[in-house]
Protein backbone atom coordinates (compact mmCIF):
# COMPACT_ATOMS: atom_id res chain seq x y z
CA MET A 1 129.87 84.28 127.05
CA ALA A 2 129.58 87.06 129.59
CA LEU A 3 132.35 88.31 131.87
CA ARG A 4 131.79 90.56 134.88
CA ILE A 5 134.59 93.09 135.25
CA PRO A 6 134.79 95.24 138.40
CA GLN A 7 136.42 98.32 136.84
CA PRO A 8 135.29 101.79 135.74
CA PRO A 9 133.94 101.87 132.16
CA ASP A 10 136.57 104.39 130.98
CA ALA A 11 139.36 102.04 132.11
CA ILE A 12 137.84 99.18 130.11
CA GLU A 13 137.40 101.38 127.02
CA THR A 14 141.06 102.42 127.26
CA LEU A 15 142.21 98.83 127.74
CA LEU A 16 140.22 97.61 124.74
CA ASP A 17 141.43 100.50 122.57
CA ASP A 18 145.07 100.03 123.61
CA ASN A 19 144.85 96.38 122.57
CA GLY A 20 143.15 97.05 119.23
CA ILE A 21 139.82 95.49 120.24
CA SER A 22 136.78 97.07 118.59
CA ILE A 23 133.62 97.56 120.62
CA ASP A 24 130.66 96.26 118.60
CA SER A 25 128.04 97.95 120.81
CA THR A 26 127.39 99.20 124.33
CA ALA A 27 124.37 99.44 126.62
CA GLU A 28 123.63 101.07 129.95
CA ARG A 29 121.69 98.68 132.17
CA GLU A 30 120.48 98.29 135.74
CA SER A 31 119.55 95.26 137.82
CA ASP A 32 118.65 94.60 141.43
CA ALA A 33 121.71 92.39 141.89
CA LEU A 34 124.35 94.61 140.25
CA GLY A 35 122.86 98.09 140.31
CA ALA A 36 123.74 100.31 137.34
CA TYR A 37 126.33 98.90 134.96
CA THR A 38 127.61 99.17 131.39
CA THR A 39 127.84 96.28 128.97
CA TYR A 40 130.27 96.15 126.08
CA TYR A 41 129.91 93.65 123.27
CA VAL A 42 133.09 92.58 121.48
CA SER A 43 133.85 89.77 119.04
CA ASP A 44 136.58 87.19 119.54
CA PRO A 45 138.83 86.10 116.63
CA PHE A 46 136.37 83.31 115.77
CA GLY A 47 133.40 85.68 115.48
CA TYR A 48 131.72 84.84 118.78
CA THR A 49 130.23 87.71 120.76
CA ILE A 50 131.51 88.31 124.28
CA GLU A 51 129.56 90.47 126.72
CA LEU A 52 131.69 92.45 129.16
CA ILE A 53 129.64 93.51 132.19
CA VAL A 54 131.43 96.50 133.72
CA THR A 55 130.23 97.17 137.27
CA ASN A 56 132.25 100.35 138.02
CA GLU A 57 133.92 98.86 141.11
CA GLU A 58 137.62 98.93 141.90
């Protein structure tokens, strides 16, 4: 599952950390549709990977 989140990356990192959610990995990406963005990969309690697409918008 992928979720697009229109927030600055540092806000998402703080939110995840404050809620005890570990970041499995990150990647800096760019696309024609979204421009530059950061992806964070986290695991849900069942072991599924969730991709958080952070587009640095507010």
